[in-house]
Amino acid sequence: MTNKSIITRSIINALGVIVYVLLVASIFTVGKDIFGPMPGLFGPFVFLLLFVLSAAIVGSLIFGKPAFLFLDGQKKEALTMFLYTILWLFIVTFCTLAVVAILRP
């Protein structure tokens, strides 16, 4: 893989994580309005199920392609893609926190 394709793929992976996190955050925000209160064991069950699903989805977005590259013998490319993905997520997190801090009354 070329360095440009590694960077492009890492941006796509990071955007996938961001979109997924926004989707889950939206569900958390309006979940009670949509689903109502969840009695007894059902609420924690759904939360943990979503947690496990989230770990699988985000894990595959962050580690999936780098793992394939690593197993294919492209260790440098795998590490580079992984680190770029983490870098993009860090940048988005930092910018989001900065905007929240600036816009806070």
Protein backbone atom coordinates (compact mmCIF):
# COMPACT_ATOMS: atom_id res chain seq x y z
CA MET A 1 0.00 0.00 0.00
CA THR A 2 1.17 3.49 -0.73
CA ASN A 3 1.41 6.06 2.03
CA LYS A 4 -1.42 8.04 0.43
CA SER A 5 -3.75 5.03 0.42
CA ILE A 6 -2.84 4.26 4.03
CA ILE A 7 -3.71 7.81 5.06
CA THR A 8 -6.93 7.75 3.04
CA ARG A 9 -7.99 4.42 4.53
CA SER A 10 -7.18 5.61 8.05
CA ILE A 11 -9.33 8.71 7.53
CA ILE A 12 -12.20 6.54 6.28
CA ASN A 13 -11.84 4.23 9.29
CA ALA A 14 -11.75 7.17 11.71
CA LEU A 15 -14.82 8.71 10.05
CA GLY A 16 -16.59 5.38 10.42
CA VAL A 17 -15.85 5.39 14.14
CA ILE A 18 -17.01 9.00 14.45
CA VAL A 19 -20.28 8.33 12.63
CA TYR A 20 -20.92 5.24 14.72
CA VAL A 21 -20.21 7.09 17.97
CA LEU A 22 -22.54 9.90 16.90
CA LEU A 23 -25.23 7.35 16.11
CA VAL A 24 -24.91 5.65 19.49
CA ALA A 25 -24.78 9.01 21.29
CA SER A 26 -27.97 10.02 19.49
CA ILE A 27 -29.65 6.82 20.58
CA PHE A 28 -28.58 7.49 24.17
CA THR A 29 -29.88 11.04 23.97
CA VAL A 30 -33.34 10.20 22.67
CA GLY A 31 -33.54 6.58 23.78
CA LYS A 32 -35.86 7.15 26.71
CA ASP A 33 -38.24 9.12 24.49
CA ILE A 34 -38.24 6.40 21.83
CA PHE A 35 -38.20 3.26 23.96
CA GLY A 36 -39.52 4.52 27.28
CA PRO A 37 -38.25 3.22 30.59
CA MET A 38 -36.86 -0.30 30.50
CA PRO A 39 -37.97 -2.33 33.49
CA GLY A 40 -35.89 -4.83 35.41
CA LEU A 41 -33.17 -6.75 33.66
CA PHE A 42 -34.01 -5.55 30.16
CA GLY A 43 -32.28 -2.14 30.42
CA PRO A 44 -28.87 -3.42 31.55
CA PHE A 45 -29.13 -6.28 29.05
CA VAL A 46 -29.68 -3.92 26.12
CA PHE A 47 -26.94 -1.59 27.34
CA LEU A 48 -24.39 -4.40 27.63
CA LEU A 49 -25.44 -5.84 24.29
CA LEU A 50 -24.92 -2.44 22.67
CA PHE A 51 -21.58 -2.13 24.46
CA VAL A 52 -20.37 -5.47 23.07
CA LEU A 53 -21.64 -4.62 19.60
CA SER A 54 -19.91 -1.24 19.79
CA ALA A 55 -16.63 -2.85 20.81
CA ALA A 56 -16.84 -5.20 17.84
CA ILE A 57 -17.70 -2.48 15.33
CA VAL A 58 -15.18 0.08 16.54
CA GLY A 59 -12.54 -2.59 17.02
CA SER A 60 -12.97 -3.79 13.47
CA LEU A 61 -12.80 -0.23 12.14
CA ILE A 62 -9.61 0.55 14.06
CA PHE A 63 -7.83 -2.81 14.00
CA GLY A 64 -9.36 -4.67 11.04
CA LYS A 65 -7.31 -3.54 8.07
CA PRO A 66 -4.09 -3.11 10.09
CA ALA A 67 -4.48 -6.69 11.31
CA PHE A 68 -4.87 -7.95 7.75
CA LEU A 69 -1.82 -5.98 6.67
CA PHE A 70 0.18 -7.29 9.62
CA LEU A 71 -0.77 -10.89 8.90
CA ASP A 72 0.13 -10.31 5.25
CA GLY A 73 3.65 -9.35 6.31
CA GLN A 74 3.20 -5.61 5.83
CA LYS A 75 4.03 -4.77 9.43
CA LYS A 76 5.21 -1.21 8.84
CA GLU A 77 2.09 -0.36 6.84
CA ALA A 78 -0.12 -1.96 9.49
CA LEU A 79 1.41 0.09 12.27
CA THR A 80 1.30 3.25 10.17
CA MET A 81 -2.39 2.81 9.36
CA PHE A 82 -3.24 2.07 12.99
CA LEU A 83 -1.35 5.13 14.23
CA TYR A 84 -2.89 7.40 11.59
CA THR A 85 -6.37 6.20 12.55
CA ILE A 86 -5.65 6.96 16.21
CA LEU A 87 -4.21 10.34 15.21
CA TRP A 88 -7.36 11.32 13.29
CA LEU A 89 -9.53 10.26 16.22
CA PHE A 90 -7.35 12.28 18.58
CA ILE A 91 -7.60 15.35 16.35
CA VAL A 92 -11.39 15.11 16.16
CA THR A 93 -11.64 14.55 19.92
CA PHE A 94 -9.37 17.51 20.65
CA CYS A 95 -11.23 19.80 18.25
CA THR A 96 -14.59 18.73 19.67
CA LEU A 97 -13.46 19.41 23.22
CA ALA A 98 -12.01 22.76 22.16
CA VAL A 99 -15.29 23.79 20.52
CA VAL A 100 -17.26 22.71 23.58
CA ALA A 101 -14.91 24.67 25.84
CA ILE A 102 -15.16 27.77 23.67
CA LEU A 103 -18.94 27.65 23.30
CA ARG A 104 -19.56 26.92 26.96
CA PRO A 105 -21.38 29.84 28.62
